[in-house]
């Protein structure tokens, strides 16, 4: 993968994060495809329109969102970006925060990238991981 491709994908990730904390559905929609899907541990696959409607109505807001990229894989006009992410906000007026592993799948469109799928997995602390292994 070229340095230009890597920088382009990392810039795309930063723009996606900024769009999410803007809580502006139009700005977020510019980062995702119409058929984008968010896969969450709580609800499974959630279509783009449901996520955008929750943000538009104020049911879901984000105050912070940061990611540290751990792996980028480029396969022609498709790329995956996997990293650790942290975010805060509100859901139904209640505070939320998350520490999770995130994989975004992007499709190249012209000179840029748009996300087609985001998959979230809660990050486990070493203590949680040990307890999970011990219970098996």
C-alpha atoms as a PDB file:
ATOM      1  CA  UNK A   1       0.000   0.000   0.000  1.00  0.00           C
ATOM      2  CA  UNK A   2       1.314   3.412  -0.890  1.00  0.00           C
ATOM      3  CA  UNK A   3       1.870   6.144   1.674  1.00  0.00           C
ATOM      4  CA  UNK A   4      -0.710   8.232  -0.218  1.00  0.00           C
ATOM      5  CA  UNK A   5      -3.368   5.503   0.134  1.00  0.00           C
ATOM      6  CA  UNK A   6      -2.631   5.142   3.843  1.00  0.00           C
ATOM      7  CA  UNK A   7      -2.838   8.897   4.430  1.00  0.00           C
ATOM      8  CA  UNK A   8      -6.047   9.123   2.389  1.00  0.00           C
ATOM      9  CA  UNK A   9      -7.696   6.397   4.494  1.00  0.00           C
ATOM     10  CA  UNK A  10      -6.515   7.923   7.767  1.00  0.00           C
ATOM     11  CA  UNK A  11      -7.823  11.339   6.650  1.00  0.00           C
ATOM     12  CA  UNK A  12     -11.125   9.673   5.764  1.00  0.00           C
ATOM     13  CA  UNK A  13     -11.307   8.153   9.260  1.00  0.00           C
ATOM     14  CA  UNK A  14     -10.650  11.579  10.839  1.00  0.00           C
ATOM     15  CA  UNK A  15     -13.361  13.158   8.675  1.00  0.00           C
ATOM     16  CA  UNK A  16     -15.833  10.397   9.624  1.00  0.00           C
ATOM     17  CA  UNK A  17     -15.086  10.943  13.341  1.00  0.00           C
ATOM     18  CA  UNK A  18     -15.522  14.715  12.956  1.00  0.00           C
ATOM     19  CA  UNK A  19     -18.811  14.194  11.126  1.00  0.00           C
ATOM     20  CA  UNK A  20     -20.091  11.937  13.914  1.00  0.00           C
ATOM     21  CA  UNK A  21     -19.349  14.462  16.668  1.00  0.00           C
ATOM     22  CA  UNK A  22     -20.928  17.216  14.576  1.00  0.00           C
ATOM     23  CA  UNK A  23     -24.232  15.326  15.011  1.00  0.00           C
ATOM     24  CA  UNK A  24     -25.130  16.567  11.515  1.00  0.00           C
ATOM     25  CA  UNK A  25     -26.846  13.782   9.536  1.00  0.00           C
ATOM     26  CA  UNK A  26     -25.992  15.420   6.189  1.00  0.00           C
ATOM     27  CA  UNK A  27     -22.308  15.591   7.074  1.00  0.00           C
ATOM     28  CA  UNK A  28     -22.339  11.986   8.312  1.00  0.00           C
ATOM     29  CA  UNK A  29     -24.189  10.800   5.187  1.00  0.00           C
ATOM     30  CA  UNK A  30     -21.371  12.241   3.055  1.00  0.00           C
ATOM     31  CA  UNK A  31     -18.980   9.771   4.742  1.00  0.00           C
ATOM     32  CA  UNK A  32     -21.092   6.647   4.260  1.00  0.00           C
ATOM     33  CA  UNK A  33     -22.821   4.855   1.413  1.00  0.00           C
ATOM     34  CA  UNK A  34     -26.616   4.770   1.244  1.00  0.00           C
ATOM     35  CA  UNK A  35     -26.495   1.080   2.161  1.00  0.00           C
ATOM     36  CA  UNK A  36     -23.988   1.502   5.029  1.00  0.00           C
ATOM     37  CA  UNK A  37     -24.589  -0.789   7.984  1.00  0.00           C
ATOM     38  CA  UNK A  38     -23.471  -0.357  11.586  1.00  0.00           C
ATOM     39  CA  UNK A  39     -23.019  -3.702  13.345  1.00  0.00           C
ATOM     40  CA  UNK A  40     -23.308  -3.365  17.122  1.00  0.00           C
ATOM     41  CA  UNK A  41     -23.106  -5.956  19.905  1.00  0.00           C
ATOM     42  CA  UNK A  42     -26.435  -4.717  21.285  1.00  0.00           C
ATOM     43  CA  UNK A  43     -28.569  -4.619  18.135  1.00  0.00           C
ATOM     44  CA  UNK A  44     -26.655  -6.426  15.405  1.00  0.00           C
ATOM     45  CA  UNK A  45     -26.901  -4.828  11.947  1.00  0.00           C
ATOM     46  CA  UNK A  46     -28.458  -1.339  11.972  1.00  0.00           C
ATOM     47  CA  UNK A  47     -29.110   0.344   8.591  1.00  0.00           C
ATOM     48  CA  UNK A  48     -27.798   3.807   7.804  1.00  0.00           C
ATOM     49  CA  UNK A  49     -31.224   5.422   7.758  1.00  0.00           C
ATOM     50  CA  UNK A  50     -31.987   4.207  11.304  1.00  0.00           C
ATOM     51  CA  UNK A  51     -28.712   5.617  12.645  1.00  0.00           C
ATOM     52  CA  UNK A  52     -29.182   8.923  10.808  1.00  0.00           C
ATOM     53  CA  UNK A  53     -32.799   9.195  12.046  1.00  0.00           C
ATOM     54  CA  UNK A  54     -31.680   8.643  15.659  1.00  0.00           C
ATOM     55  CA  UNK A  55     -29.074  11.393  15.281  1.00  0.00           C
ATOM     56  CA  UNK A  56     -31.482  13.729  13.459  1.00  0.00           C
ATOM     57  CA  UNK A  57     -34.063  13.366  16.279  1.00  0.00           C
ATOM     58  CA  UNK A  58     -31.488  13.829  19.043  1.00  0.00           C
ATOM     59  CA  UNK A  59     -32.013  10.310  20.419  1.00  0.00           C
ATOM     60  CA  UNK A  60     -28.304   9.642  19.750  1.00  0.00           C
ATOM     61  CA  UNK A  61     -25.557  12.248  20.070  1.00  0.00           C
ATOM     62  CA  UNK A  62     -21.779  12.063  20.146  1.00  0.00           C
ATOM     63  CA  UNK A  63     -19.555  14.493  22.051  1.00  0.00           C
ATOM     64  CA  UNK A  64     -16.193  12.815  21.458  1.00  0.00           C
ATOM     65  CA  UNK A  65     -14.894  10.153  19.094  1.00  0.00           C
ATOM     66  CA  UNK A  66     -11.281   9.145  18.669  1.00  0.00           C
ATOM     67  CA  UNK A  67      -9.623   6.176  16.995  1.00  0.00           C
ATOM     68  CA  UNK A  68      -6.142   4.739  16.908  1.00  0.00           C
ATOM     69  CA  UNK A  69      -5.490   2.805  13.704  1.00  0.00           C
ATOM     70  CA  UNK A  70      -3.930  -0.630  14.209  1.00  0.00           C
ATOM     71  CA  UNK A  71      -4.306  -2.231  10.779  1.00  0.00           C
ATOM     72  CA  UNK A  72      -5.146  -1.098   7.259  1.00  0.00           C
ATOM     73  CA  UNK A  73      -5.679  -3.567   4.443  1.00  0.00           C
ATOM     74  CA  UNK A  74      -6.113  -2.412   0.833  1.00  0.00           C
ATOM     75  CA  UNK A  75      -7.701  -4.704  -1.754  1.00  0.00           C
ATOM     76  CA  UNK A  76      -8.060  -2.658  -4.939  1.00  0.00           C
ATOM     77  CA  UNK A  77     -11.000  -0.292  -4.439  1.00  0.00           C
ATOM     78  CA  UNK A  78     -11.929  -1.761  -1.040  1.00  0.00           C
ATOM     79  CA  UNK A  79     -10.088  -1.198   2.227  1.00  0.00           C
ATOM     80  CA  UNK A  80     -10.501  -2.178   5.848  1.00  0.00           C
ATOM     81  CA  UNK A  81      -9.343   0.006   8.712  1.00  0.00           C
ATOM     82  CA  UNK A  82      -9.249  -1.626  12.135  1.00  0.00           C
ATOM     83  CA  UNK A  83      -8.489   0.299  15.280  1.00  0.00           C
ATOM     84  CA  UNK A  84      -9.356   1.025  18.873  1.00  0.00           C
ATOM     85  CA  UNK A  85     -11.961   3.712  19.426  1.00  0.00           C
ATOM     86  CA  UNK A  86     -13.360   5.699  22.308  1.00  0.00           C
ATOM     87  CA  UNK A  87     -16.490   7.823  22.256  1.00  0.00           C
ATOM     88  CA  UNK A  88     -18.909   9.632  24.531  1.00  0.00           C
ATOM     89  CA  UNK A  89     -22.360  11.059  24.006  1.00  0.00           C
ATOM     90  CA  UNK A  90     -25.975  10.427  24.921  1.00  0.00           C
ATOM     91  CA  UNK A  91     -28.625   7.861  24.019  1.00  0.00           C
ATOM     92  CA  UNK A  92     -32.214   8.735  24.954  1.00  0.00           C
ATOM     93  CA  UNK A  93     -30.781  11.542  27.082  1.00  0.00           C
ATOM     94  CA  UNK A  94     -28.574   9.225  29.149  1.00  0.00           C
ATOM     95  CA  UNK A  95     -24.777   9.483  29.070  1.00  0.00           C
ATOM     96  CA  UNK A  96     -22.959   6.808  27.088  1.00  0.00           C
ATOM     97  CA  UNK A  97     -19.311   5.977  26.588  1.00  0.00           C
ATOM     98  CA  UNK A  98     -17.583   3.193  24.724  1.00  0.00           C
ATOM     99  CA  UNK A  99     -14.152   1.651  24.407  1.00  0.00           C
ATOM    100  CA  UNK A 100     -14.277  -0.636  21.406  1.00  0.00           C
ATOM    101  CA  UNK A 101     -12.479  -2.244  18.528  1.00  0.00           C
ATOM    102  CA  UNK A 102     -13.792  -0.840  15.263  1.00  0.00           C
ATOM    103  CA  UNK A 103     -13.438  -2.131  11.738  1.00  0.00           C
ATOM    104  CA  UNK A 104     -14.581   0.182   8.963  1.00  0.00           C
ATOM    105  CA  UNK A 105     -14.900  -1.170   5.421  1.00  0.00           C
ATOM    106  CA  UNK A 106     -14.425   1.506   2.760  1.00  0.00           C
ATOM    107  CA  UNK A 107     -15.069   1.608  -0.975  1.00  0.00           C
ATOM    108  CA  UNK A 108     -13.068   3.966  -3.167  1.00  0.00           C
ATOM    109  CA  UNK A 109     -15.297   6.472  -4.958  1.00  0.00           C
ATOM    110  CA  UNK A 110     -13.456   8.765  -7.339  1.00  0.00           C
ATOM    111  CA  UNK A 111     -10.570  10.293  -5.391  1.00  0.00           C
ATOM    112  CA  UNK A 112     -12.047   9.477  -1.979  1.00  0.00           C
ATOM    113  CA  UNK A 113     -13.469   6.752   0.209  1.00  0.00           C
ATOM    114  CA  UNK A 114     -16.941   6.103   1.653  1.00  0.00           C
ATOM    115  CA  UNK A 115     -17.700   3.669   4.439  1.00  0.00           C
ATOM    116  CA  UNK A 116     -19.943   0.710   3.566  1.00  0.00           C
ATOM    117  CA  UNK A 117     -19.838  -1.060   6.941  1.00  0.00           C
ATOM    118  CA  UNK A 118     -18.745  -0.350  10.506  1.00  0.00           C
ATOM    119  CA  UNK A 119     -18.385  -3.256  12.927  1.00  0.00           C
ATOM    120  CA  UNK A 120     -18.046  -2.586  16.679  1.00  0.00           C
ATOM    121  CA  UNK A 121     -16.690  -4.986  19.296  1.00  0.00           C
ATOM    122  CA  UNK A 122     -16.387  -3.931  22.949  1.00  0.00           C
ATOM    123  CA  UNK A 123     -12.784  -3.824  24.123  1.00  0.00           C
ATOM    124  CA  UNK A 124     -12.066  -6.037  27.110  1.00  0.00           C
ATOM    125  CA  UNK A 125      -9.659  -5.199  29.885  1.00  0.00           C
ATOM    126  CA  UNK A 126      -7.070  -7.809  30.798  1.00  0.00           C
ATOM    127  CA  UNK A 127      -9.164  -8.591  33.920  1.00  0.00           C
ATOM    128  CA  UNK A 128     -12.305  -9.158  31.836  1.00  0.00           C
ATOM    129  CA  UNK A 129     -10.401 -11.293  29.349  1.00  0.00           C
ATOM    130  CA  UNK A 130      -8.970 -13.435  32.153  1.00  0.00           C
ATOM    131  CA  UNK A 131     -12.407 -13.910  33.716  1.00  0.00           C
ATOM    132  CA  UNK A 132     -13.862 -14.926  30.343  1.00  0.00           C
ATOM    133  CA  UNK A 133     -11.121 -17.501  29.792  1.00  0.00           C
ATOM    134  CA  UNK A 134     -11.498 -18.839  33.347  1.00  0.00           C
ATOM    135  CA  UNK A 135     -15.248 -19.377  32.877  1.00  0.00           C
ATOM    136  CA  UNK A 136     -14.738 -21.676  29.877  1.00  0.00           C
END
